Amino acid sequence: MQDFPPFMKTPLNRIPPSSQSTPGIEGYVYDGADGSQMAFWTCHESAKSQEHVHDYDEYMVVVKGCYTLLIQGRRIDLKPGQEYFISKGIPHGGEVVAGTRTIHAFGGVRVIRAQ
């Protein structure tokens, strides 16, 4: 597949650019009944995510492309099918190659939908 299916990219679930940590990303969010969220991101350009911290855990998996996680002084290249768990409170950022698609699960509210 070259893209997420259309049902996953409905305008009502679109993440506004102001809620993104990385420029050039198209994202969509789904809310869990417990306050958790799932986000689906497509990176249209190579970019860098600034270091940030969450007060909840984060899980990510690369679907296509390459995401380099920058965490605790290490560079961890994640390729399709590879996943990573980031504990709450751990500063992290990343570098992404254009065309990369990722899925993230957050143990709390990470983003607000576009209005």
PDB file of N, CA and C in Angstrom:
ATOM      1  N   MET A   1       0.845  -1.194   0.000  1.00  0.00           N
ATOM      2  CA  MET A   1       0.000   0.000   0.000  1.00  0.00           C
ATOM      3  C   MET A   1       0.881   1.243   0.000  1.00  0.00           C
ATOM      4  N   GLN A   2       0.439   2.231  -0.713  1.00  0.00           N
ATOM      5  CA  GLN A   2       1.192   3.482  -0.795  1.00  0.00           C
ATOM      6  C   GLN A   2       0.684   4.543   0.179  1.00  0.00           C
ATOM      7  N   ASP A   3      -0.496   4.329   0.762  1.00  0.00           N
ATOM      8  CA  ASP A   3      -1.098   5.320   1.642  1.00  0.00           C
ATOM      9  C   ASP A   3      -2.043   4.602   2.600  1.00  0.00           C
ATOM     10  N   PHE A   4      -2.437   5.298   3.670  1.00  0.00           N
ATOM     11  CA  PHE A   4      -3.461   4.752   4.545  1.00  0.00           C
ATOM     12  C   PHE A   4      -4.786   4.748   3.786  1.00  0.00           C
ATOM     13  N   PRO A   5      -5.687   3.810   4.081  1.00  0.00           N
ATOM     14  CA  PRO A   5      -6.980   3.756   3.387  1.00  0.00           C
ATOM     15  C   PRO A   5      -7.805   5.026   3.642  1.00  0.00           C
ATOM     16  N   PRO A   6      -8.661   5.383   2.703  1.00  0.00           N
ATOM     17  CA  PRO A   6      -9.464   6.609   2.841  1.00  0.00           C
ATOM     18  C   PRO A   6     -10.273   6.688   4.141  1.00  0.00           C
ATOM     19  N   PHE A   7     -10.811   5.568   4.633  1.00  0.00           N
ATOM     20  CA  PHE A   7     -11.615   5.651   5.854  1.00  0.00           C
ATOM     21  C   PHE A   7     -10.787   6.097   7.066  1.00  0.00           C
ATOM     22  N   MET A   8      -9.460   5.931   6.987  1.00  0.00           N
ATOM     23  CA  MET A   8      -8.588   6.364   8.074  1.00  0.00           C
ATOM     24  C   MET A   8      -8.217   7.848   7.964  1.00  0.00           C
ATOM     25  N   LYS A   9      -8.599   8.466   6.866  1.00  0.00           N
ATOM     26  CA  LYS A   9      -8.196   9.856   6.600  1.00  0.00           C
ATOM     27  C   LYS A   9      -9.402  10.779   6.447  1.00  0.00           C
ATOM     28  N   THR A  10     -10.408  10.593   7.286  1.00  0.00           N
ATOM     29  CA  THR A  10     -11.579  11.446   7.208  1.00  0.00           C
ATOM     30  C   THR A  10     -11.251  12.838   7.751  1.00  0.00           C
ATOM     31  N   PRO A  11     -11.783  13.883   7.123  1.00  0.00           N
ATOM     32  CA  PRO A  11     -11.488  15.248   7.559  1.00  0.00           C
ATOM     33  C   PRO A  11     -11.803  15.508   9.032  1.00  0.00           C
ATOM     34  N   LEU A  12     -12.812  14.857   9.584  1.00  0.00           N
ATOM     35  CA  LEU A  12     -13.162  15.080  10.990  1.00  0.00           C
ATOM     36  C   LEU A  12     -12.074  14.630  11.951  1.00  0.00           C
ATOM     37  N   ASN A  13     -11.200  13.728  11.517  1.00  0.00           N
ATOM     38  CA  ASN A  13     -10.126  13.220  12.375  1.00  0.00           C
ATOM     39  C   ASN A  13      -8.758  13.825  12.056  1.00  0.00           C
ATOM     40  N   ARG A  14      -8.721  14.792  11.148  1.00  0.00           N
ATOM     41  CA  ARG A  14      -7.446  15.394  10.748  1.00  0.00           C
ATOM     42  C   ARG A  14      -6.816  16.173  11.901  1.00  0.00           C
ATOM     43  N   ILE A  15      -5.512  16.040  12.029  1.00  0.00           N
ATOM     44  CA  ILE A  15      -4.749  16.766  13.055  1.00  0.00           C
ATOM     45  C   ILE A  15      -4.266  18.079  12.435  1.00  0.00           C
ATOM     46  N   PRO A  16      -4.564  19.227  13.055  1.00  0.00           N
ATOM     47  CA  PRO A  16      -4.113  20.498  12.484  1.00  0.00           C
ATOM     48  C   PRO A  16      -2.593  20.648  12.587  1.00  0.00           C
ATOM     49  N   PRO A  17      -1.992  21.354  11.631  1.00  0.00           N
ATOM     50  CA  PRO A  17      -0.534  21.564  11.670  1.00  0.00           C
ATOM     51  C   PRO A  17      -0.053  22.152  12.995  1.00  0.00           C
ATOM     52  N   SER A  18      -0.877  22.965  13.658  1.00  0.00           N
ATOM     53  CA  SER A  18      -0.475  23.580  14.931  1.00  0.00           C
ATOM     54  C   SER A  18      -0.282  22.555  16.047  1.00  0.00           C
ATOM     55  N   SER A  19      -0.825  21.351  15.877  1.00  0.00           N
ATOM     56  CA  SER A  19      -0.660  20.296  16.881  1.00  0.00           C
ATOM     57  C   SER A  19       0.448  19.311  16.525  1.00  0.00           C
ATOM     58  N   GLN A  20       1.206  19.585  15.472  1.00  0.00           N
ATOM     59  CA  GLN A  20       2.269  18.689  15.015  1.00  0.00           C
ATOM     60  C   GLN A  20       3.614  19.108  15.603  1.00  0.00           C
ATOM     61  N   SER A  21       4.453  18.140  15.910  1.00  0.00           N
ATOM     62  CA  SER A  21       5.821  18.420  16.378  1.00  0.00           C
ATOM     63  C   SER A  21       6.808  18.450  15.216  1.00  0.00           C
ATOM     64  N   THR A  22       6.359  18.020  14.045  1.00  0.00           N
ATOM     65  CA  THR A  22       7.226  17.920  12.877  1.00  0.00           C
ATOM     66  C   THR A  22       6.552  18.601  11.690  1.00  0.00           C
ATOM     67  N   PRO A  23       7.282  19.433  10.950  1.00  0.00           N
ATOM     68  CA  PRO A  23       6.682  20.084   9.771  1.00  0.00           C
ATOM     69  C   PRO A  23       6.466  19.086   8.625  1.00  0.00           C
ATOM     70  N   GLY A  24       5.490  19.407   7.745  1.00  0.00           N
ATOM     71  CA  GLY A  24       5.274  18.598   6.549  1.00  0.00           C
ATOM     72  C   GLY A  24       4.584  17.278   6.785  1.00  0.00           C
ATOM     73  N   ILE A  25       3.831  17.179   7.874  1.00  0.00           N
ATOM     74  CA  ILE A  25       3.162  15.919   8.219  1.00  0.00           C
ATOM     75  C   ILE A  25       1.649  16.055   8.037  1.00  0.00           C
ATOM     76  N   GLU A  26       1.053  14.995   7.520  1.00  0.00           N
ATOM     77  CA  GLU A  26      -0.407  14.872   7.460  1.00  0.00           C
ATOM     78  C   GLU A  26      -0.787  13.807   8.475  1.00  0.00           C
ATOM     79  N   GLY A  27      -1.672  14.139   9.417  1.00  0.00           N
ATOM     80  CA  GLY A  27      -2.011  13.195  10.460  1.00  0.00           C
ATOM     81  C   GLY A  27      -3.489  13.133  10.777  1.00  0.00           C
ATOM     82  N   TYR A  28      -3.892  11.988  11.314  1.00  0.00           N
ATOM     83  CA  TYR A  28      -5.276  11.737  11.706  1.00  0.00           C
ATOM     84  C   TYR A  28      -5.273  11.050  13.056  1.00  0.00           C
ATOM     85  N   VAL A  29      -6.263  11.371  13.904  1.00  0.00           N
ATOM     86  CA  VAL A  29      -6.274  10.873  15.274  1.00  0.00           C
ATOM     87  C   VAL A  29      -7.605  10.194  15.585  1.00  0.00           C
ATOM     88  N   TYR A  30      -7.519   9.162  16.431  1.00  0.00           N
ATOM     89  CA  TYR A  30      -8.685   8.438  16.921  1.00  0.00           C
ATOM     90  C   TYR A  30      -8.574   8.353  18.428  1.00  0.00           C
ATOM     91  N   ASP A  31      -9.699   8.574  19.121  1.00  0.00           N
ATOM     92  CA  ASP A  31      -9.715   8.605  20.579  1.00  0.00           C
ATOM     93  C   ASP A  31     -10.225   7.308  21.172  1.00  0.00           C
ATOM     94  N   GLY A  32      -9.549   6.847  22.228  1.00  0.00           N
ATOM     95  CA  GLY A  32      -9.995   5.680  22.973  1.00  0.00           C
ATOM     96  C   GLY A  32     -10.923   6.100  24.105  1.00  0.00           C
ATOM     97  N   ALA A  33     -11.774   5.206  24.555  1.00  0.00           N
ATOM     98  CA  ALA A  33     -12.714   5.497  25.632  1.00  0.00           C
ATOM     99  C   ALA A  33     -12.003   5.847  26.942  1.00  0.00           C
ATOM    100  N   ASP A  34     -10.747   5.415  27.088  1.00  0.00           N
ATOM    101  CA  ASP A  34      -9.982   5.662  28.316  1.00  0.00           C
ATOM    102  C   ASP A  34      -9.121   6.919  28.249  1.00  0.00           C
ATOM    103  N   GLY A  35      -9.264   7.720  27.177  1.00  0.00           N
ATOM    104  CA  GLY A  35      -8.464   8.937  27.035  1.00  0.00           C
ATOM    105  C   GLY A  35      -7.185   8.733  26.241  1.00  0.00           C
ATOM    106  N   SER A  36      -6.917   7.516  25.806  1.00  0.00           N
ATOM    107  CA  SER A  36      -5.740   7.272  24.965  1.00  0.00           C
ATOM    108  C   SER A  36      -6.048   7.690  23.530  1.00  0.00           C
ATOM    109  N   GLN A  37      -5.021   7.762  22.690  1.00  0.00           N
ATOM    110  CA  GLN A  37      -5.209   8.132  21.293  1.00  0.00           C
ATOM    111  C   GLN A  37      -4.318   7.289  20.388  1.00  0.00           C
ATOM    112  N   MET A  38      -4.788   7.117  19.155  1.00  0.00           N
ATOM    113  CA  MET A  38      -3.997   6.509  18.079  1.00  0.00           C
ATOM    114  C   MET A  38      -3.868   7.579  17.000  1.00  0.00           C
ATOM    115  N   ALA A  39      -2.663   7.739  16.474  1.00  0.00           N
ATOM    116  CA  ALA A  39      -2.434   8.710  15.402  1.00  0.00           C
ATOM    117  C   ALA A  39      -1.756   8.016  14.232  1.00  0.00           C
ATOM    118  N   PHE A  40      -2.163   8.409  13.042  1.00  0.00           N
ATOM    119  CA  PHE A  40      -1.622   7.878  11.792  1.00  0.00           C
ATOM    120  C   PHE A  40      -0.997   9.045  11.053  1.00  0.00           C
ATOM    121  N   TRP A  41       0.313   8.993  10.807  1.00  0.00           N
ATOM    122  CA  TRP A  41       1.020  10.111  10.193  1.00  0.00           C
ATOM    123  C   TRP A  41       1.689   9.710   8.879  1.00  0.00           C
ATOM    124  N   THR A  42       1.599  10.613   7.907  1.00  0.00           N
ATOM    125  CA  THR A  42       2.325  10.495   6.645  1.00  0.00           C
ATOM    126  C   THR A  42       3.215  11.720   6.528  1.00  0.00           C
ATOM    127  N   CYS A  43       4.498  11.492   6.327  1.00  0.00           N
ATOM    128  CA  CYS A  43       5.477  12.579   6.232  1.00  0.00           C
ATOM    129  C   CYS A  43       5.718  12.881   4.757  1.00  0.00           C
ATOM    130  N   HIS A  44       5.334  14.074   4.336  1.00  0.00           N
ATOM    131  CA  HIS A  44       5.447  14.447   2.924  1.00  0.00           C
ATOM    132  C   HIS A  44       6.805  15.041   2.569  1.00  0.00           C
ATOM    133  N   GLU A  45       7.592  15.372   3.582  1.00  0.00           N
ATOM    134  CA  GLU A  45       8.931  15.911   3.350  1.00  0.00           C
ATOM    135  C   GLU A  45       9.863  15.427   4.454  1.00  0.00           C
ATOM    136  N   SER A  46      11.135  15.349   4.155  1.00  0.00           N
ATOM    137  CA  SER A  46      12.106  14.988   5.193  1.00  0.00           C
ATOM    138  C   SER A  46      12.139  16.116   6.215  1.00  0.00           C
ATOM    139  N   ALA A  47      12.147  15.764   7.482  1.00  0.00           N
ATOM    140  CA  ALA A  47      12.048  16.791   8.523  1.00  0.00           C
ATOM    141  C   ALA A  47      12.592  16.261   9.844  1.00  0.00           C
ATOM    142  N   LYS A  48      12.704  17.169  10.797  1.00  0.00           N
ATOM    143  CA  LYS A  48      13.164  16.832  12.136  1.00  0.00           C
ATOM    144  C   LYS A  48      12.115  17.259  13.146  1.00  0.00           C
ATOM    145  N   SER A  49      11.829  16.375  14.082  1.00  0.00           N
ATOM    146  CA  SER A  49      10.916  16.664  15.183  1.00  0.00           C
ATOM    147  C   SER A  49      11.746  17.166  16.363  1.00  0.00           C
ATOM    148  N   GLN A  50      11.360  18.296  16.900  1.00  0.00           N
ATOM    149  CA  GLN A  50      12.082  18.850  18.036  1.00  0.00           C
ATOM    150  C   GLN A  50      11.896  17.961  19.265  1.00  0.00           C
ATOM    151  N   GLU A  51      12.896  17.962  20.131  1.00  0.00           N
ATOM    152  CA  GLU A  51      12.802  17.165  21.356  1.00  0.00           C
ATOM    153  C   GLU A  51      11.601  17.628  22.176  1.00  0.00           C
ATOM    154  N   HIS A  52      10.860  16.671  22.704  1.00  0.00           N
ATOM    155  CA  HIS A  52       9.690  16.966  23.518  1.00  0.00           C
ATOM    156  C   HIS A  52       9.474  15.825  24.516  1.00  0.00           C
ATOM    157  N   VAL A  53       8.567  16.044  25.454  1.00  0.00           N
ATOM    158  CA  VAL A  53       8.285  15.071  26.510  1.00  0.00           C
ATOM    159  C   VAL A  53       6.771  14.935  26.644  1.00  0.00           C
ATOM    160  N   HIS A  54       6.309  13.725  26.937  1.00  0.00           N
ATOM    161  CA  HIS A  54       4.893  13.495  27.212  1.00  0.00           C
ATOM    162  C   HIS A  54       4.734  13.031  28.657  1.00  0.00           C
ATOM    163  N   ASP A  55       3.571  13.295  29.234  1.00  0.00           N
ATOM    164  CA  ASP A  55       3.292  12.779  30.579  1.00  0.00           C
ATOM    165  C   ASP A  55       2.475  11.482  30.497  1.00  0.00           C
ATOM    166  N   TYR A  56       2.644  10.773  29.394  1.00  0.00           N
ATOM    167  CA  TYR A  56       2.017   9.474  29.155  1.00  0.00           C
ATOM    168  C   TYR A  56       2.951   8.677  28.246  1.00  0.00           C
ATOM    169  N   ASP A  57       2.769   7.369  28.203  1.00  0.00           N
ATOM    170  CA  ASP A  57       3.595   6.500  27.369  1.00  0.00           C
ATOM    171  C   ASP A  57       3.237   6.666  25.895  1.00  0.00           C
ATOM    172  N   GLU A  58       4.203   6.327  25.032  1.00  0.00           N
ATOM    173  CA  GLU A  58       3.990   6.349  23.587  1.00  0.00           C
ATOM    174  C   GLU A  58       4.551   5.070  22.976  1.00  0.00           C
ATOM    175  N   TYR A  59       3.791   4.507  22.047  1.00  0.00           N
ATOM    176  CA  TYR A  59       4.226   3.350  21.273  1.00  0.00           C
ATOM    177  C   TYR A  59       4.166   3.766  19.807  1.00  0.00           C
ATOM    178  N   MET A  60       5.152   3.370  19.023  1.00  0.00           N
ATOM    179  CA  MET A  60       5.131   3.684  17.595  1.00  0.00           C
ATOM    180  C   MET A  60       5.607   2.502  16.776  1.00  0.00           C
ATOM    181  N   VAL A  61       5.110   2.445  15.532  1.00  0.00           N
ATOM    182  CA  VAL A  61       5.555   1.442  14.574  1.00  0.00           C
ATOM    183  C   VAL A  61       5.667   2.135  13.214  1.00  0.00           C
ATOM    184  N   VAL A  62       6.720   1.824  12.489  1.00  0.00           N
ATOM    185  CA  VAL A  62       6.914   2.375  11.149  1.00  0.00           C
ATOM    186  C   VAL A  62       6.226   1.451  10.149  1.00  0.00           C
ATOM    187  N   VAL A  63       5.387   2.036   9.305  1.00  0.00           N
ATOM    188  CA  VAL A  63       4.676   1.284   8.283  1.00  0.00           C
ATOM    189  C   VAL A  63       5.464   1.297   6.980  1.00  0.00           C
ATOM    190  N   LYS A  64       6.036   2.452   6.651  1.00  0.00           N
ATOM    191  CA  LYS A  64       6.779   2.629   5.398  1.00  0.00           C
ATOM    192  C   LYS A  64       7.846   3.690   5.611  1.00  0.00           C
ATOM    193  N   GLY A  65       9.002   3.538   4.990  1.00  0.00           N
ATOM    194  CA  GLY A  65      10.056   4.547   5.071  1.00  0.00           C
ATOM    195  C   GLY A  65      11.009   4.318   6.227  1.00  0.00           C
ATOM    196  N   CYS A  66      11.482   5.407   6.824  1.00  0.00           N
ATOM    197  CA  CYS A  66      12.435   5.329   7.933  1.00  0.00           C
ATOM    198  C   CYS A  66      12.214   6.493   8.890  1.00  0.00           C
ATOM    199  N   TYR A  67      12.152   6.172  10.167  1.00  0.00           N
ATOM    200  CA  TYR A  67      12.057   7.171  11.227  1.00  0.00           C
ATOM    201  C   TYR A  67      13.238   6.944  12.152  1.00  0.00           C
ATOM    202  N   THR A  68      14.055   7.970  12.348  1.00  0.00           N
ATOM    203  CA  THR A  68      15.190   7.872  13.264  1.00  0.00           C
ATOM    204  C   THR A  68      14.794   8.521  14.575  1.00  0.00           C
ATOM    205  N   LEU A  69      14.644   7.716  15.597  1.00  0.00           N
ATOM    206  CA  LEU A  69      14.288   8.192  16.925  1.00  0.00           C
ATOM    207  C   LEU A  69      15.541   8.736  17.599  1.00  0.00           C
ATOM    208  N   LEU A  70      15.450   9.925  18.149  1.00  0.00           N
ATOM    209  CA  LEU A  70      16.546  10.550  18.894  1.00  0.00           C
ATOM    210  C   LEU A  70      16.135  10.543  20.356  1.00  0.00           C
ATOM    211  N   ILE A  71      16.793   9.685  21.142  1.00  0.00           N
ATOM    212  CA  ILE A  71      16.369   9.494  22.520  1.00  0.00           C
ATOM    213  C   ILE A  71      17.581   9.196  23.409  1.00  0.00           C
ATOM    214  N   GLN A  72      17.708   9.966  24.464  1.00  0.00           N
ATOM    215  CA  GLN A  72      18.768   9.783  25.448  1.00  0.00           C
ATOM    216  C   GLN A  72      20.153   9.686  24.798  1.00  0.00           C
ATOM    217  N   GLY A  73      20.423  10.571  23.833  1.00  0.00           N
ATOM    218  CA  GLY A  73      21.723  10.621  23.176  1.00  0.00           C
ATOM    219  C   GLY A  73      21.953   9.551  22.133  1.00  0.00           C
ATOM    220  N   ARG A  74      20.939   8.753  21.842  1.00  0.00           N
ATOM    221  CA  ARG A  74      21.074   7.679  20.853  1.00  0.00           C
ATOM    222  C   ARG A  74      20.247   7.978  19.610  1.00  0.00           C
ATOM    223  N   ARG A  75      20.674   7.422  18.491  1.00  0.00           N
ATOM    224  CA  ARG A  75      19.952   7.472  17.221  1.00  0.00           C
ATOM    225  C   ARG A  75      19.500   6.055  16.921  1.00  0.00           C
ATOM    226  N   ILE A  76      18.192   5.857  16.862  1.00  0.00           N
ATOM    227  CA  ILE A  76      17.648   4.522  16.638  1.00  0.00           C
ATOM    228  C   ILE A  76      16.855   4.555  15.336  1.00  0.00           C
ATOM    229  N   ASP A  77      17.398   3.916  14.295  1.00  0.00           N
ATOM    230  CA  ASP A  77      16.727   3.867  12.995  1.00  0.00           C
ATOM    231  C   ASP A  77      15.635   2.803  13.028  1.00  0.00           C
ATOM    232  N   LEU A  78      14.411   3.226  12.761  1.00  0.00           N
ATOM    233  CA  LEU A  78      13.281   2.313  12.705  1.00  0.00           C
ATOM    234  C   LEU A  78      12.817   2.191  11.261  1.00  0.00           C
ATOM    235  N   LYS A  79      12.789   0.983  10.767  1.00  0.00           N
ATOM    236  CA  LYS A  79      12.373   0.683   9.393  1.00  0.00           C
ATOM    237  C   LYS A  79      10.998   0.007   9.429  1.00  0.00           C
ATOM    238  N   PRO A  80      10.372  -0.221   8.262  1.00  0.00           N
ATOM    239  CA  PRO A  80       9.038  -0.822   8.246  1.00  0.00           C
ATOM    240  C   PRO A  80       8.944  -2.096   9.084  1.00  0.00           C
ATOM    241  N   GLY A  81       7.892  -2.113   9.917  1.00  0.00           N
ATOM    242  CA  GLY A  81       7.658  -3.256  10.793  1.00  0.00           C
ATOM    243  C   GLY A  81       8.330  -3.147  12.146  1.00  0.00           C
ATOM    244  N   GLN A  82       9.250  -2.206  12.310  1.00  0.00           N
ATOM    245  CA  GLN A  82       9.930  -2.057  13.596  1.00  0.00           C
ATOM    246  C   GLN A  82       9.135  -1.107  14.489  1.00  0.00           C
ATOM    247  N   GLU A  83       9.181  -1.403  15.772  1.00  0.00           N
ATOM    248  CA  GLU A  83       8.395  -0.647  16.737  1.00  0.00           C
ATOM    249  C   GLU A  83       9.272  -0.198  17.901  1.00  0.00           C
ATOM    250  N   TYR A  84       8.727   0.761  18.682  1.00  0.00           N
ATOM    251  CA  TYR A  84       9.475   1.263  19.825  1.00  0.00           C
ATOM    252  C   TYR A  84       8.488   1.757  20.880  1.00  0.00           C
ATOM    253  N   PHE A  85       8.827   1.551  22.149  1.00  0.00           N
ATOM    254  CA  PHE A  85       8.031   2.029  23.273  1.00  0.00           C
ATOM    255  C   PHE A  85       8.813   3.125  23.977  1.00  0.00           C
ATOM    256  N   ILE A  86       8.183   4.281  24.175  1.00  0.00           N
ATOM    257  CA  ILE A  86       8.812   5.416  24.854  1.00  0.00           C
ATOM    258  C   ILE A  86       8.048   5.651  26.157  1.00  0.00           C
ATOM    259  N   SER A  87       8.712   5.465  27.277  1.00  0.00           N
ATOM    260  CA  SER A  87       8.071   5.682  28.578  1.00  0.00           C
ATOM    261  C   SER A  87       7.795   7.157  28.804  1.00  0.00           C
ATOM    262  N   LYS A  88       6.729   7.438  29.539  1.00  0.00           N
ATOM    263  CA  LYS A  88       6.384   8.832  29.843  1.00  0.00           C
ATOM    264  C   LYS A  88       7.563   9.507  30.541  1.00  0.00           C
ATOM    265  N   GLY A  89       7.719  10.803  30.257  1.00  0.00           N
ATOM    266  CA  GLY A  89       8.771  11.582  30.884  1.00  0.00           C
ATOM    267  C   GLY A  89      10.130  11.512  30.209  1.00  0.00           C
ATOM    268  N   ILE A  90      10.288  10.690  29.181  1.00  0.00           N
ATOM    269  CA  ILE A  90      11.571  10.557  28.487  1.00  0.00           C
ATOM    270  C   ILE A  90      11.637  11.562  27.327  1.00  0.00           C
ATOM    271  N   PRO A  91      12.596  12.496  27.345  1.00  0.00           N
ATOM    272  CA  PRO A  91      12.732  13.431  26.223  1.00  0.00           C
ATOM    273  C   PRO A  91      13.101  12.673  24.947  1.00  0.00           C
ATOM    274  N   HIS A  92      12.448  13.029  23.845  1.00  0.00           N
ATOM    275  CA  HIS A  92      12.721  12.368  22.566  1.00  0.00           C
ATOM    276  C   HIS A  92      12.349  13.292  21.405  1.00  0.00           C
ATOM    277  N   GLY A  93      12.932  13.015  20.276  1.00  0.00           N
ATOM    278  CA  GLY A  93      12.641  13.715  19.029  1.00  0.00           C
ATOM    279  C   GLY A  93      12.888  12.724  17.916  1.00  0.00           C
ATOM    280  N   GLY A  94      12.948  13.221  16.696  1.00  0.00           N
ATOM    281  CA  GLY A  94      13.186  12.293  15.605  1.00  0.00           C
ATOM    282  C   GLY A  94      13.488  12.966  14.289  1.00  0.00           C
ATOM    283  N   GLU A  95      13.950  12.169  13.358  1.00  0.00           N
ATOM    284  CA  GLU A  95      14.184  12.603  11.985  1.00  0.00           C
ATOM    285  C   GLU A  95      13.438  11.639  11.082  1.00  0.00           C
ATOM    286  N   VAL A  96      12.772  12.197  10.083  1.00  0.00           N
ATOM    287  CA  VAL A  96      11.943  11.371   9.221  1.00  0.00           C
ATOM    288  C   VAL A  96      12.274  11.642   7.761  1.00  0.00           C
ATOM    289  N   VAL A  97      12.234  10.597   6.961  1.00  0.00           N
ATOM    290  CA  VAL A  97      12.483  10.683   5.528  1.00  0.00           C
ATOM    291  C   VAL A  97      11.140  10.868   4.815  1.00  0.00           C
ATOM    292  N   ALA A  98      11.104  11.721   3.803  1.00  0.00           N
ATOM    293  CA  ALA A  98       9.873  11.949   3.041  1.00  0.00           C
ATOM    294  C   ALA A  98       9.279  10.623   2.585  1.00  0.00           C
ATOM    295  N   GLY A  99       7.952  10.501   2.705  1.00  0.00           N
ATOM    296  CA  GLY A  99       7.257   9.292   2.305  1.00  0.00           C
ATOM    297  C   GLY A  99       7.034   8.304   3.438  1.00  0.00           C
ATOM    298  N   THR A 100       7.595   8.594   4.606  1.00  0.00           N
ATOM    299  CA  THR A 100       7.453   7.695   5.752  1.00  0.00           C
ATOM    300  C   THR A 100       6.032   7.769   6.322  1.00  0.00           C
ATOM    301  N   ARG A 101       5.502   6.598   6.694  1.00  0.00           N
ATOM    302  CA  ARG A 101       4.209   6.521   7.368  1.00  0.00           C
ATOM    303  C   ARG A 101       4.403   5.803   8.695  1.00  0.00           C
ATOM    304  N   THR A 102       3.816   6.341   9.756  1.00  0.00           N
ATOM    305  CA  THR A 102       3.937   5.759  11.092  1.00  0.00           C
ATOM    306  C   THR A 102       2.580   5.704  11.778  1.00  0.00           C
ATOM    307  N   ILE A 103       2.474   4.796  12.728  1.00  0.00           N
ATOM    308  CA  ILE A 103       1.303   4.697  13.591  1.00  0.00           C
ATOM    309  C   ILE A 103       1.800   4.840  15.029  1.00  0.00           C
ATOM    310  N   HIS A 104       1.116   5.682  15.791  1.00  0.00           N
ATOM    311  CA  HIS A 104       1.492   5.936  17.182  1.00  0.00           C
ATOM    312  C   HIS A 104       0.295   5.713  18.095  1.00  0.00           C
ATOM    313  N   ALA A 105       0.534   5.139  19.253  1.00  0.00           N
ATOM    314  CA  ALA A 105      -0.480   5.028  20.301  1.00  0.00           C
ATOM    315  C   ALA A 105       0.039   5.817  21.501  1.00  0.00           C
ATOM    316  N   PHE A 106      -0.838   6.620  22.068  1.00  0.00           N
ATOM    317  CA  PHE A 106      -0.486   7.465  23.207  1.00  0.00           C
ATOM    318  C   PHE A 106      -1.374   7.112  24.387  1.00  0.00           C
ATOM    319  N   GLY A 107      -0.787   7.036  25.573  1.00  0.00           N
ATOM    320  CA  GLY A 107      -1.540   6.736  26.784  1.00  0.00           C
ATOM    321  C   GLY A 107      -2.294   7.920  27.331  1.00  0.00           C
ATOM    322  N   GLY A 108      -2.394   8.990  26.567  1.00  0.00           N
ATOM    323  CA  GLY A 108      -3.116  10.199  26.961  1.00  0.00           C
ATOM    324  C   GLY A 108      -3.468  10.988  25.707  1.00  0.00           C
ATOM    325  N   VAL A 109      -3.968  12.185  25.906  1.00  0.00           N
ATOM    326  CA  VAL A 109      -4.366  13.038  24.790  1.00  0.00           C
ATOM    327  C   VAL A 109      -3.143  13.743  24.234  1.00  0.00           C
ATOM    328  N   ARG A 110      -2.761  13.408  23.017  1.00  0.00           N
ATOM    329  CA  ARG A 110      -1.602  13.998  22.338  1.00  0.00           C
ATOM    330  C   ARG A 110      -1.992  15.143  21.414  1.00  0.00           C
ATOM    331  N   VAL A 111      -3.127  15.008  20.723  1.00  0.00           N
ATOM    332  CA  VAL A 111      -3.513  16.013  19.728  1.00  0.00           C
ATOM    333  C   VAL A 111      -5.005  16.321  19.801  1.00  0.00           C
ATOM    334  N   ILE A 112      -5.337  17.495  19.277  1.00  0.00           N
ATOM    335  CA  ILE A 112      -6.728  17.936  19.150  1.00  0.00           C
ATOM    336  C   ILE A 112      -7.038  17.999  17.663  1.00  0.00           C
ATOM    337  N   ARG A 113      -8.190  17.530  17.275  1.00  0.00           N
ATOM    338  CA  ARG A 113      -8.578  17.547  15.866  1.00  0.00           C
ATOM    339  C   ARG A 113      -8.745  18.964  15.328  1.00  0.00           C
ATOM    340  N   ALA A 114      -8.596  19.086  14.015  1.00  0.00           N
ATOM    341  CA  ALA A 114      -8.874  20.360  13.333  1.00  0.00           C
ATOM    342  C   ALA A 114     -10.366  20.643  13.451  1.00  0.00           C
ATOM    343  N   GLN A 115     -10.714  21.900  13.532  1.00  0.00           N
ATOM    344  CA  GLN A 115     -12.137  22.295  13.632  1.00  0.00           C
ATOM    345  C   GLN A 115     -12.681  22.722  12.302  1.00  0.00           C
TER     346      GLN A 115
END
